[in-house]
């Protein structure tokens, strides 16, 4: 007679939690950076950390949470997990540098998405490389900040997503208005984040916690 042993099947649930925000600055306020230590007066495109360190206050802050992790993004993460040589990491520099893309499209998000829904062209979409020393990982949380300068991403921000197509020489490998690698995630907020125009610098921050 055989005896069946009772067993407990452990099920590991995975939680992907994204929080994000946009800090909006008037570049006219950047004149206060002049004369400060560290050579900030010579910075043509001040990044979020420098702006905050200089005491510049945003004229508006929008914060929310949620996004959809996309199929291609999941596959890229799994390939990185097993060390597939042809897959570039979402890096702080180089050909795989993490970028945040904004667009004026508003098509609903699906897991099969491979790009933003905005039509082609820099007046409708813009992928901006991460700020210096971004992204970072600590306590199971990835943080990435990307500062869009006065001339970058000037249109209605109706959607956003993260990819890994930056470069050390500029915002892109290819063009800064197209995704050049698997889009990791995508979000269409319930309402527009506003319309960016020349004379404004917007810093987009995202944190992703896996638990």
N, C-alpha and C. Protein backbone atom coordinates (compact mmCIF):
# COMPACT_ATOMS: atom_id res chain seq x y z
N UNK A 1 0.84 -1.19 0.00
CA UNK A 1 0.00 0.00 0.00
C UNK A 1 0.89 1.24 0.00
N UNK A 2 0.58 2.11 -0.91
CA UNK A 2 1.36 3.34 -1.00
C UNK A 2 0.67 4.47 -0.24
N UNK A 3 1.48 5.37 0.24
CA UNK A 3 0.93 6.50 0.98
C UNK A 3 1.35 7.79 0.30
N UNK A 4 0.38 8.59 -0.02
CA UNK A 4 0.66 9.89 -0.65
C UNK A 4 1.04 10.89 0.43
N UNK A 5 2.17 11.56 0.24
CA UNK A 5 2.60 12.56 1.20
C UNK A 5 1.97 13.91 0.88
N UNK A 6 1.42 14.50 1.90
CA UNK A 6 0.84 15.83 1.70
C UNK A 6 1.97 16.82 1.44
N UNK A 7 1.77 17.70 0.50
CA UNK A 7 2.79 18.70 0.19
C UNK A 7 2.16 20.06 0.01
N UNK A 8 2.93 21.06 0.28
CA UNK A 8 2.47 22.43 0.11
C UNK A 8 3.20 23.03 -1.07
N UNK A 9 2.45 23.51 -2.04
CA UNK A 9 3.04 24.12 -3.22
C UNK A 9 3.17 25.62 -2.98
N UNK A 10 4.41 26.08 -2.97
CA UNK A 10 4.64 27.51 -2.78
C UNK A 10 4.47 28.24 -4.11
N UNK A 11 3.74 29.33 -4.08
CA UNK A 11 3.53 30.13 -5.29
C UNK A 11 4.11 31.51 -5.05
N UNK A 12 5.11 31.88 -5.83
CA UNK A 12 5.74 33.18 -5.68
C UNK A 12 5.05 34.19 -6.59
N UNK A 13 4.36 35.10 -6.01
CA UNK A 13 3.74 36.17 -6.79
C UNK A 13 4.75 37.27 -7.05
N UNK A 14 4.64 37.93 -8.19
CA UNK A 14 5.56 39.01 -8.55
C UNK A 14 4.77 40.31 -8.67
N UNK A 15 5.23 41.33 -7.97
CA UNK A 15 4.58 42.63 -8.04
C UNK A 15 5.53 43.63 -8.68
N UNK A 16 5.06 44.25 -9.76
CA UNK A 16 5.81 45.28 -10.48
C UNK A 16 5.08 46.60 -10.22
N UNK A 17 5.69 47.48 -9.47
CA UNK A 17 5.02 48.72 -9.08
C UNK A 17 5.81 49.93 -9.57
N UNK A 18 5.20 50.71 -10.43
CA UNK A 18 5.85 51.90 -10.98
C UNK A 18 5.22 53.16 -10.41
N UNK A 19 6.07 54.08 -9.95
CA UNK A 19 5.64 55.42 -9.58
C UNK A 19 6.41 56.40 -10.47
N UNK A 20 5.78 57.47 -10.88
CA UNK A 20 6.43 58.38 -11.81
C UNK A 20 5.94 59.81 -11.58
N UNK A 21 6.72 60.75 -12.08
CA UNK A 21 6.35 62.14 -11.93
C UNK A 21 7.08 63.04 -12.91
N UNK A 22 6.53 64.21 -13.11
CA UNK A 22 7.13 65.22 -13.99
C UNK A 22 7.28 66.53 -13.21
N UNK A 23 8.52 67.01 -13.12
CA UNK A 23 8.80 68.32 -12.53
C UNK A 23 9.02 69.30 -13.67
N UNK A 24 8.26 70.39 -13.68
CA UNK A 24 8.31 71.34 -14.78
C UNK A 24 8.99 72.63 -14.31
N UNK A 25 10.01 73.06 -15.09
CA UNK A 25 10.78 74.25 -14.74
C UNK A 25 10.74 75.27 -15.87
N UNK A 26 10.81 76.53 -15.51
CA UNK A 26 10.97 77.63 -16.47
C UNK A 26 12.46 77.86 -16.65
N UNK A 27 12.97 77.71 -17.87
CA UNK A 27 14.42 77.84 -18.07
C UNK A 27 14.91 79.25 -17.78
N UNK A 28 14.02 80.23 -17.76
CA UNK A 28 14.43 81.59 -17.39
C UNK A 28 14.97 81.61 -15.97
N UNK A 29 14.51 80.67 -15.14
CA UNK A 29 14.99 80.60 -13.76
C UNK A 29 16.40 80.05 -13.65
N UNK A 30 16.90 79.44 -14.74
CA UNK A 30 18.23 78.83 -14.68
C UNK A 30 19.35 79.86 -14.62
N UNK A 31 19.02 81.13 -14.86
CA UNK A 31 20.04 82.17 -14.76
C UNK A 31 20.63 82.23 -13.36
N UNK A 32 19.88 81.74 -12.37
CA UNK A 32 20.38 81.74 -11.00
C UNK A 32 21.49 80.71 -10.80
N UNK A 33 21.67 79.82 -11.81
CA UNK A 33 22.76 78.85 -11.72
C UNK A 33 24.11 79.51 -11.93
N UNK A 34 24.15 80.66 -12.58
CA UNK A 34 25.40 81.31 -12.91
C UNK A 34 26.15 81.72 -11.65
N UNK A 35 27.45 81.51 -11.70
CA UNK A 35 28.29 81.91 -10.60
C UNK A 35 28.35 80.92 -9.46
N UNK A 36 27.55 79.87 -9.50
CA UNK A 36 27.60 78.87 -8.44
C UNK A 36 28.80 77.95 -8.65
N UNK A 37 29.24 77.33 -7.59
CA UNK A 37 30.39 76.44 -7.66
C UNK A 37 30.06 75.21 -8.50
N UNK A 38 31.08 74.63 -9.10
CA UNK A 38 30.90 73.42 -9.87
C UNK A 38 30.72 73.65 -11.34
N UNK A 39 30.82 74.90 -11.78
CA UNK A 39 30.75 75.17 -13.20
C UNK A 39 29.37 75.09 -13.79
N UNK A 40 28.32 75.22 -12.98
CA UNK A 40 26.97 75.09 -13.49
C UNK A 40 26.62 76.19 -14.48
N UNK A 41 27.34 77.32 -14.42
CA UNK A 41 27.08 78.40 -15.36
C UNK A 41 27.43 77.99 -16.78
N UNK A 42 28.27 76.94 -16.93
CA UNK A 42 28.69 76.49 -18.25
C UNK A 42 27.84 75.35 -18.78
N UNK A 43 26.86 74.90 -17.99
CA UNK A 43 26.04 73.77 -18.40
C UNK A 43 24.94 74.26 -19.33
N UNK A 44 24.96 73.77 -20.57
CA UNK A 44 23.96 74.21 -21.55
C UNK A 44 22.62 73.54 -21.32
N UNK A 45 22.65 72.30 -20.77
CA UNK A 45 21.43 71.53 -20.56
C UNK A 45 21.41 71.03 -19.11
N UNK A 46 21.10 71.90 -18.14
CA UNK A 46 21.11 71.47 -16.75
C UNK A 46 20.19 70.27 -16.51
N UNK A 47 20.66 69.31 -15.73
CA UNK A 47 19.88 68.13 -15.40
C UNK A 47 19.19 68.31 -14.06
N UNK A 48 18.25 67.44 -13.79
CA UNK A 48 17.37 67.57 -12.63
C UNK A 48 18.14 67.78 -11.32
N UNK A 49 19.16 66.96 -11.08
CA UNK A 49 19.90 67.06 -9.82
C UNK A 49 20.55 68.43 -9.66
N UNK A 50 21.11 68.98 -10.74
CA UNK A 50 21.74 70.29 -10.69
C UNK A 50 20.71 71.39 -10.48
N UNK A 51 19.57 71.24 -11.12
CA UNK A 51 18.51 72.24 -10.98
C UNK A 51 18.02 72.31 -9.53
N UNK A 52 17.77 71.14 -8.95
CA UNK A 52 17.31 71.09 -7.56
C UNK A 52 18.38 71.60 -6.61
N UNK A 53 19.65 71.20 -6.86
CA UNK A 53 20.74 71.63 -5.99
C UNK A 53 20.90 73.15 -6.00
N UNK A 54 20.54 73.78 -7.12
CA UNK A 54 20.65 75.23 -7.23
C UNK A 54 19.47 75.96 -6.59
N UNK A 55 18.53 75.19 -6.07
CA UNK A 55 17.39 75.81 -5.40
C UNK A 55 16.28 76.26 -6.31
N UNK A 56 16.29 75.81 -7.58
CA UNK A 56 15.23 76.18 -8.52
C UNK A 56 13.97 75.40 -8.19
N UNK A 57 12.84 76.06 -8.11
CA UNK A 57 11.57 75.43 -7.79
C UNK A 57 10.76 75.18 -9.07
N UNK A 58 10.16 74.01 -9.20
CA UNK A 58 9.30 73.76 -10.37
C UNK A 58 8.02 74.59 -10.29
N UNK A 59 7.50 74.94 -11.45
CA UNK A 59 6.24 75.67 -11.45
C UNK A 59 5.05 74.72 -11.38
N UNK A 60 5.31 73.42 -11.64
CA UNK A 60 4.25 72.41 -11.50
C UNK A 60 4.90 71.05 -11.32
N UNK A 61 4.28 70.21 -10.51
CA UNK A 61 4.71 68.82 -10.33
C UNK A 61 3.50 67.92 -10.50
N UNK A 62 3.63 66.91 -11.36
CA UNK A 62 2.58 65.91 -11.54
C UNK A 62 3.14 64.57 -11.13
N UNK A 63 2.42 63.85 -10.26
CA UNK A 63 2.87 62.54 -9.80
C UNK A 63 1.72 61.55 -9.87
N UNK A 64 2.05 60.32 -10.24
CA UNK A 64 1.03 59.27 -10.33
C UNK A 64 1.74 57.92 -10.27
N UNK A 65 1.02 56.86 -10.48
CA UNK A 65 1.62 55.54 -10.47
C UNK A 65 0.95 54.65 -11.50
N UNK A 66 1.61 53.54 -11.81
CA UNK A 66 1.06 52.56 -12.73
C UNK A 66 1.65 52.64 -14.12
N UNK A 67 1.78 51.50 -14.76
CA UNK A 67 2.20 51.35 -16.15
C UNK A 67 1.96 49.90 -16.52
N UNK A 68 2.19 49.55 -17.77
CA UNK A 68 2.08 48.15 -18.18
C UNK A 68 3.44 47.68 -18.67
N UNK A 69 3.94 46.61 -18.08
CA UNK A 69 5.16 45.95 -18.54
C UNK A 69 4.82 45.21 -19.82
N UNK A 70 5.57 45.47 -20.89
CA UNK A 70 5.22 44.95 -22.21
C UNK A 70 5.91 43.62 -22.50
N UNK A 71 5.33 42.85 -23.42
CA UNK A 71 5.86 41.52 -23.75
C UNK A 71 7.32 41.58 -24.18
N UNK A 72 7.65 42.52 -25.09
CA UNK A 72 9.03 42.63 -25.55
C UNK A 72 9.97 43.04 -24.42
N UNK A 73 9.47 43.87 -23.53
CA UNK A 73 10.26 44.25 -22.37
C UNK A 73 10.53 43.08 -21.46
N UNK A 74 9.52 42.24 -21.25
CA UNK A 74 9.69 41.04 -20.43
C UNK A 74 10.72 40.12 -21.06
N UNK A 75 10.61 39.90 -22.37
CA UNK A 75 11.58 39.04 -23.05
C UNK A 75 13.00 39.58 -22.94
N UNK A 76 13.14 40.90 -23.02
CA UNK A 76 14.48 41.47 -22.89
C UNK A 76 15.02 41.24 -21.48
N UNK A 77 14.20 41.44 -20.47
CA UNK A 77 14.64 41.21 -19.10
C UNK A 77 15.05 39.75 -18.89
N UNK A 78 14.29 38.81 -19.45
CA UNK A 78 14.61 37.39 -19.29
C UNK A 78 15.90 37.04 -20.02
N UNK A 79 16.11 37.62 -21.20
CA UNK A 79 17.37 37.38 -21.93
C UNK A 79 18.56 37.95 -21.17
N UNK A 80 18.38 39.10 -20.53
CA UNK A 80 19.45 39.65 -19.71
C UNK A 80 19.71 38.75 -18.50
N UNK A 81 18.67 38.11 -17.99
CA UNK A 81 18.81 37.22 -16.84
C UNK A 81 19.72 36.04 -17.15
N UNK A 82 19.64 35.54 -18.39
CA UNK A 82 20.47 34.39 -18.76
C UNK A 82 21.73 34.81 -19.51
N UNK A 83 21.96 36.12 -19.61
CA UNK A 83 23.20 36.61 -20.19
C UNK A 83 23.33 36.46 -21.69
N UNK A 84 22.22 36.59 -22.41
CA UNK A 84 22.28 36.54 -23.86
C UNK A 84 23.17 37.67 -24.38
N UNK A 85 24.25 37.33 -25.06
CA UNK A 85 25.27 38.30 -25.41
C UNK A 85 24.83 39.42 -26.31
N UNK A 86 23.82 39.18 -27.14
CA UNK A 86 23.41 40.19 -28.11
C UNK A 86 22.45 41.22 -27.52
N UNK A 87 22.03 41.02 -26.28
CA UNK A 87 21.06 41.91 -25.66
C UNK A 87 21.78 42.92 -24.77
N UNK A 88 21.62 44.21 -25.08
CA UNK A 88 22.27 45.26 -24.29
C UNK A 88 21.45 45.54 -23.04
N UNK A 89 22.14 45.80 -21.94
CA UNK A 89 21.47 46.14 -20.69
C UNK A 89 20.85 47.54 -20.78
N UNK A 90 19.87 47.80 -19.93
CA UNK A 90 19.35 49.16 -19.78
C UNK A 90 20.37 49.92 -18.94
N UNK A 91 21.30 50.57 -19.60
CA UNK A 91 22.53 51.04 -18.95
C UNK A 91 22.50 52.52 -18.63
N UNK A 92 23.56 52.96 -17.91
CA UNK A 92 23.72 54.38 -17.58
C UNK A 92 24.41 55.14 -18.70
N UNK A 93 25.00 54.43 -19.66
CA UNK A 93 25.68 55.08 -20.78
C UNK A 93 25.84 54.06 -21.90
N UNK A 94 26.29 54.54 -23.05
CA UNK A 94 26.55 53.64 -24.17
C UNK A 94 25.31 53.32 -24.98
N UNK A 95 25.44 52.31 -25.85
CA UNK A 95 24.40 52.00 -26.82
C UNK A 95 23.10 51.55 -26.19
N UNK A 96 23.13 51.06 -24.96
CA UNK A 96 21.90 50.60 -24.31
C UNK A 96 21.37 51.57 -23.28
N UNK A 97 21.86 52.81 -23.28
CA UNK A 97 21.47 53.75 -22.23
C UNK A 97 19.96 53.90 -22.13
N UNK A 98 19.47 53.84 -20.90
CA UNK A 98 18.03 53.96 -20.68
C UNK A 98 17.52 55.33 -21.12
N UNK A 99 16.38 55.33 -21.77
CA UNK A 99 15.74 56.57 -22.21
C UNK A 99 14.29 56.56 -21.75
N UNK A 100 13.74 57.73 -21.58
CA UNK A 100 12.31 57.89 -21.34
C UNK A 100 11.73 58.60 -22.55
N UNK A 101 10.70 58.00 -23.11
CA UNK A 101 10.07 58.56 -24.30
C UNK A 101 8.70 59.13 -23.97
N UNK A 102 8.40 60.30 -24.52
CA UNK A 102 7.09 60.92 -24.38
C UNK A 102 6.50 61.09 -25.77
N UNK A 103 5.18 61.00 -25.86
CA UNK A 103 4.52 61.16 -27.15
C UNK A 103 3.15 61.78 -27.00
N UNK A 104 2.60 62.25 -28.12
CA UNK A 104 1.27 62.86 -28.08
C UNK A 104 0.16 61.89 -28.49
N UNK A 105 0.51 60.61 -28.68
CA UNK A 105 -0.50 59.61 -28.98
C UNK A 105 -1.28 59.22 -27.74
N UNK A 106 -2.46 58.67 -27.94
CA UNK A 106 -3.30 58.28 -26.80
C UNK A 106 -3.96 56.93 -26.99
N UNK A 107 -3.44 56.12 -27.93
CA UNK A 107 -4.00 54.78 -28.14
C UNK A 107 -3.83 53.94 -26.88
N UNK A 108 -4.86 53.20 -26.51
CA UNK A 108 -4.83 52.40 -25.29
C UNK A 108 -3.65 51.43 -25.30
N UNK A 109 -3.10 51.18 -24.13
CA UNK A 109 -1.94 50.31 -23.99
C UNK A 109 -2.35 48.85 -24.05
N UNK A 110 -1.54 48.05 -24.75
CA UNK A 110 -1.69 46.59 -24.73
C UNK A 110 -0.31 45.98 -24.49
N UNK A 111 -0.29 44.76 -23.97
CA UNK A 111 0.99 44.10 -23.67
C UNK A 111 1.81 43.86 -24.92
N UNK A 112 1.16 43.81 -26.09
CA UNK A 112 1.86 43.56 -27.35
C UNK A 112 2.50 44.81 -27.93
N UNK A 113 2.32 45.97 -27.33
CA UNK A 113 2.90 47.21 -27.85
C UNK A 113 4.42 47.09 -27.94
N UNK A 114 4.97 47.64 -29.01
CA UNK A 114 6.43 47.67 -29.18
C UNK A 114 6.96 49.09 -29.29
N UNK A 115 6.07 50.07 -29.23
CA UNK A 115 6.47 51.47 -29.41
C UNK A 115 5.38 52.35 -28.83
N UNK A 116 5.67 53.64 -28.72
CA UNK A 116 4.63 54.61 -28.42
C UNK A 116 3.66 54.68 -29.59
N UNK A 117 2.48 55.23 -29.36
CA UNK A 117 1.49 55.29 -30.44
C UNK A 117 1.56 56.58 -31.24
N UNK A 118 2.32 57.57 -30.78
CA UNK A 118 2.44 58.83 -31.51
C UNK A 118 3.05 58.60 -32.89
N UNK A 119 2.63 59.39 -33.85
CA UNK A 119 3.16 59.26 -35.21
C UNK A 119 4.62 59.69 -35.23
N UNK A 120 5.30 59.36 -36.32
CA UNK A 120 6.73 59.64 -36.45
C UNK A 120 7.00 61.14 -36.44
N UNK A 121 8.19 61.49 -35.98
CA UNK A 121 8.63 62.88 -36.03
C UNK A 121 8.80 63.49 -34.66
N UNK A 122 9.81 64.33 -34.51
CA UNK A 122 10.17 64.89 -33.22
C UNK A 122 9.16 65.90 -32.69
N UNK A 123 8.19 66.31 -33.51
CA UNK A 123 7.14 67.19 -33.02
C UNK A 123 5.98 66.41 -32.43
N UNK A 124 6.10 65.07 -32.41
CA UNK A 124 5.05 64.21 -31.84
C UNK A 124 5.59 63.22 -30.80
N UNK A 125 6.89 62.94 -30.83
CA UNK A 125 7.47 61.95 -29.92
C UNK A 125 8.94 62.28 -29.70
N UNK A 126 9.44 61.93 -28.51
CA UNK A 126 10.84 62.22 -28.21
C UNK A 126 11.33 61.24 -27.15
N UNK A 127 12.43 60.52 -27.46
CA UNK A 127 13.07 59.64 -26.49
C UNK A 127 14.32 60.36 -25.97
N UNK A 128 14.34 60.63 -24.67
CA UNK A 128 15.39 61.41 -24.05
C UNK A 128 16.23 60.52 -23.15
N UNK A 129 17.56 60.56 -23.31
CA UNK A 129 18.42 59.68 -22.54
C UNK A 129 18.41 60.05 -21.06
N UNK A 130 18.74 59.09 -20.22
CA UNK A 130 18.75 59.29 -18.78
C UNK A 130 19.82 60.29 -18.38
N UNK A 131 19.56 60.98 -17.27
CA UNK A 131 20.54 61.92 -16.72
C UNK A 131 21.79 61.17 -16.27
N UNK A 132 22.85 61.90 -15.99
CA UNK A 132 24.11 61.30 -15.54
C UNK A 132 23.88 60.43 -14.31
N UNK A 133 24.56 59.26 -14.31
CA UNK A 133 24.48 58.30 -13.20
C UNK A 133 23.11 57.67 -13.04
N UNK A 134 22.26 57.79 -14.03
CA UNK A 134 20.95 57.13 -14.04
C UNK A 134 20.92 56.08 -15.14
N UNK A 135 20.21 54.97 -14.93
CA UNK A 135 19.40 54.61 -13.76
C UNK A 135 20.24 54.03 -12.62
N UNK A 136 19.61 53.90 -11.45
CA UNK A 136 20.24 53.28 -10.29
C UNK A 136 19.30 52.21 -9.73
N UNK A 137 19.86 51.29 -8.95
CA UNK A 137 19.06 50.25 -8.30
C UNK A 137 19.44 50.18 -6.84
N UNK A 138 18.43 50.18 -5.96
CA UNK A 138 18.64 50.04 -4.53
C UNK A 138 17.36 49.53 -3.90
N UNK A 139 17.50 48.58 -2.98
CA UNK A 139 16.34 48.04 -2.24
C UNK A 139 15.23 47.60 -3.18
N UNK A 140 15.60 46.84 -4.21
CA UNK A 140 14.66 46.26 -5.17
C UNK A 140 13.93 47.31 -6.00
N UNK A 141 14.49 48.54 -6.05
CA UNK A 141 13.84 49.62 -6.78
C UNK A 141 14.80 50.23 -7.79
N UNK A 142 14.36 50.30 -9.03
CA UNK A 142 15.08 51.01 -10.08
C UNK A 142 14.57 52.44 -10.14
N UNK A 143 15.50 53.40 -10.21
CA UNK A 143 15.14 54.81 -10.33
C UNK A 143 15.81 55.38 -11.57
N UNK A 144 15.05 56.12 -12.37
CA UNK A 144 15.61 56.77 -13.54
C UNK A 144 15.02 58.16 -13.69
N UNK A 145 15.91 59.13 -13.96
CA UNK A 145 15.50 60.51 -14.20
C UNK A 145 16.00 60.92 -15.57
N UNK A 146 15.17 61.61 -16.33
CA UNK A 146 15.57 62.13 -17.63
C UNK A 146 15.04 63.55 -17.76
N UNK A 147 15.95 64.51 -18.02
CA UNK A 147 15.57 65.92 -18.10
C UNK A 147 15.48 66.35 -19.56
N UNK A 148 14.28 66.74 -19.97
CA UNK A 148 14.02 67.20 -21.33
C UNK A 148 14.29 68.71 -21.39
N UNK A 149 15.29 69.10 -22.17
CA UNK A 149 15.69 70.50 -22.25
C UNK A 149 14.65 71.32 -23.03
N UNK A 150 14.91 72.61 -23.13
CA UNK A 150 13.94 73.54 -23.73
C UNK A 150 13.48 73.12 -25.13
N UNK A 151 14.40 72.60 -25.94
CA UNK A 151 14.06 72.27 -27.33
C UNK A 151 13.55 70.84 -27.51
N UNK A 152 13.48 70.08 -26.42
CA UNK A 152 13.16 68.65 -26.52
C UNK A 152 11.73 68.34 -26.12
N UNK A 153 11.05 67.55 -26.96
CA UNK A 153 9.74 67.04 -26.59
C UNK A 153 8.67 68.09 -26.47
N UNK A 154 8.62 69.01 -27.41
CA UNK A 154 7.66 70.11 -27.33
C UNK A 154 6.37 69.75 -28.06
N UNK A 155 5.46 69.17 -27.33
CA UNK A 155 4.14 68.73 -27.81
C UNK A 155 3.34 68.31 -26.58
N UNK A 156 2.12 67.86 -26.78
CA UNK A 156 1.30 67.38 -25.67
C UNK A 156 1.81 66.02 -25.20
N UNK A 157 2.06 65.88 -23.92
CA UNK A 157 2.54 64.62 -23.36
C UNK A 157 1.34 63.78 -22.93
N UNK A 158 0.94 62.87 -23.81
CA UNK A 158 -0.22 62.02 -23.56
C UNK A 158 0.15 60.58 -23.23
N UNK A 159 1.42 60.21 -23.43
CA UNK A 159 1.87 58.84 -23.19
C UNK A 159 3.37 58.87 -22.89
N UNK A 160 3.84 57.79 -22.28
CA UNK A 160 5.28 57.68 -22.05
C UNK A 160 5.67 56.20 -21.99
N UNK A 161 6.97 55.96 -22.15
CA UNK A 161 7.51 54.61 -22.06
C UNK A 161 9.01 54.66 -21.88
N UNK A 162 9.59 53.53 -21.50
CA UNK A 162 11.03 53.43 -21.26
C UNK A 162 11.64 52.47 -22.27
N UNK A 163 12.79 52.84 -22.87
CA UNK A 163 13.53 51.90 -23.71
C UNK A 163 15.01 51.99 -23.36
N UNK A 164 15.83 51.32 -24.13
CA UNK A 164 17.27 51.30 -23.88
C UNK A 164 18.06 51.61 -25.11
N UNK A 165 17.80 52.76 -25.74
CA UNK A 165 18.43 53.05 -27.02
C UNK A 165 19.26 54.30 -27.04
N UNK A 166 19.77 54.75 -25.89
CA UNK A 166 20.58 55.96 -25.86
C UNK A 166 22.00 55.72 -26.35
N UNK A 167 22.80 56.77 -26.34
CA UNK A 167 24.20 56.65 -26.73
C UNK A 167 25.01 57.70 -25.99
N UNK A 168 26.33 57.55 -25.99
CA UNK A 168 27.16 58.52 -25.31
C UNK A 168 27.29 59.81 -26.10
N UNK A 169 27.02 59.78 -27.39
CA UNK A 169 27.23 60.96 -28.23
C UNK A 169 26.00 61.84 -28.35
N UNK A 170 24.86 61.37 -27.90
CA UNK A 170 23.64 62.15 -28.02
C UNK A 170 22.49 61.39 -27.42
N UNK A 171 21.29 61.78 -27.80
CA UNK A 171 20.13 61.13 -27.22
C UNK A 171 19.87 59.75 -27.81
N UNK A 172 20.46 59.44 -28.94
CA UNK A 172 20.01 58.23 -29.60
C UNK A 172 21.10 57.48 -30.33
N UNK A 173 20.76 56.24 -30.63
CA UNK A 173 21.41 55.51 -31.70
C UNK A 173 20.36 55.54 -32.81
N UNK A 174 20.57 56.33 -33.82
CA UNK A 174 19.54 56.51 -34.82
C UNK A 174 18.93 57.88 -34.64
N UNK A 175 17.65 57.93 -34.32
CA UNK A 175 16.98 59.21 -34.12
C UNK A 175 16.33 59.24 -32.75
N UNK A 176 16.23 60.44 -32.20
CA UNK A 176 15.63 60.54 -30.88
C UNK A 176 14.12 60.53 -30.91
N UNK A 177 13.54 60.34 -32.10
CA UNK A 177 12.08 60.28 -32.18
C UNK A 177 11.60 58.87 -32.51
N UNK A 178 12.46 57.88 -32.34
CA UNK A 178 12.03 56.49 -32.55
C UNK A 178 12.65 55.60 -31.49
N UNK A 179 11.94 54.52 -31.17
CA UNK A 179 12.49 53.56 -30.24
C UNK A 179 13.45 52.66 -31.01
N UNK A 180 14.60 52.39 -30.42
CA UNK A 180 15.61 51.60 -31.11
C UNK A 180 15.83 50.25 -30.43
N UNK A 181 15.04 49.94 -29.44
CA UNK A 181 15.14 48.66 -28.76
C UNK A 181 13.78 48.34 -28.16
N UNK A 182 13.67 47.17 -27.57
CA UNK A 182 12.39 46.76 -26.99
C UNK A 182 11.90 47.77 -25.97
N UNK A 183 10.68 48.26 -26.17
CA UNK A 183 10.07 49.16 -25.20
C UNK A 183 9.74 48.34 -23.95
N UNK A 184 10.24 48.80 -22.81
CA UNK A 184 10.06 48.05 -21.57
C UNK A 184 8.64 48.13 -21.05
N UNK A 185 8.09 49.34 -21.04
CA UNK A 185 6.76 49.56 -20.49
C UNK A 185 6.12 50.74 -21.20
N UNK A 186 4.85 50.96 -20.92
CA UNK A 186 4.15 52.08 -21.54
C UNK A 186 3.00 52.49 -20.65
N UNK A 187 2.66 53.78 -20.70
CA UNK A 187 1.56 54.31 -19.91
C UNK A 187 0.86 55.41 -20.67
N UNK A 188 -0.47 55.37 -20.67
CA UNK A 188 -1.29 56.48 -21.15
C UNK A 188 -2.09 56.97 -19.94
N UNK A 189 -1.67 58.08 -19.33
CA UNK A 189 -2.37 58.56 -18.14
C UNK A 189 -3.83 58.91 -18.44
N UNK A 190 -4.60 59.04 -17.39
CA UNK A 190 -6.02 59.36 -17.57
C UNK A 190 -6.24 60.72 -18.19
N UNK A 191 -5.28 61.62 -18.04
CA UNK A 191 -5.35 62.94 -18.68
C UNK A 191 -3.95 63.34 -19.10
N UNK A 192 -3.88 64.27 -20.04
CA UNK A 192 -2.58 64.72 -20.55
C UNK A 192 -1.74 65.30 -19.42
N UNK A 193 -0.42 65.10 -19.53
CA UNK A 193 0.50 65.69 -18.56
C UNK A 193 0.78 67.15 -18.85
N UNK A 194 0.18 67.65 -19.92
CA UNK A 194 0.37 69.05 -20.31
C UNK A 194 1.10 69.14 -21.64
N UNK A 195 1.20 70.32 -22.17
CA UNK A 195 1.89 70.57 -23.43
C UNK A 195 3.19 71.30 -23.15
N UNK A 196 4.30 70.65 -23.43
CA UNK A 196 5.61 71.25 -23.23
C UNK A 196 5.92 72.18 -24.41
N UNK A 197 6.57 73.29 -24.11
CA UNK A 197 6.94 74.25 -25.15
C UNK A 197 8.35 74.76 -24.90
N UNK A 198 8.94 75.37 -25.91
CA UNK A 198 10.26 75.97 -25.77
C UNK A 198 10.24 76.97 -24.62
N UNK A 199 11.30 76.94 -23.82
CA UNK A 199 11.36 77.80 -22.64
C UNK A 199 11.05 77.06 -21.36
N UNK A 200 10.66 75.77 -21.51
CA UNK A 200 10.39 74.93 -20.34
C UNK A 200 11.32 73.73 -20.37
N UNK A 201 11.74 73.29 -19.21
CA UNK A 201 12.53 72.08 -19.05
C UNK A 201 11.75 71.16 -18.12
N UNK A 202 11.45 69.94 -18.59
CA UNK A 202 10.66 69.00 -17.81
C UNK A 202 11.53 67.79 -17.44
N UNK A 203 11.52 67.44 -16.17
CA UNK A 203 12.28 66.28 -15.69
C UNK A 203 11.31 65.16 -15.34
N UNK A 204 11.48 64.03 -16.02
CA UNK A 204 10.61 62.87 -15.79
C UNK A 204 11.36 61.89 -14.89
N UNK A 205 10.72 61.48 -13.80
CA UNK A 205 11.30 60.53 -12.87
C UNK A 205 10.40 59.30 -12.79
N UNK A 206 11.01 58.12 -12.85
CA UNK A 206 10.25 56.89 -12.68
C UNK A 206 10.99 55.99 -11.69
N UNK A 207 10.24 55.36 -10.81
CA UNK A 207 10.79 54.32 -9.94
C UNK A 207 9.97 53.05 -10.19
N UNK A 208 10.68 51.93 -10.29
CA UNK A 208 10.04 50.64 -10.49
C UNK A 208 10.51 49.72 -9.36
N UNK A 209 9.57 49.24 -8.57
CA UNK A 209 9.88 48.34 -7.47
C UNK A 209 9.34 46.95 -7.78
N UNK A 210 10.18 45.95 -7.63
CA UNK A 210 9.77 44.56 -7.82
C UNK A 210 9.81 43.87 -6.47
N UNK A 211 8.69 43.25 -6.10
CA UNK A 211 8.63 42.57 -4.80
C UNK A 211 7.77 41.31 -4.91
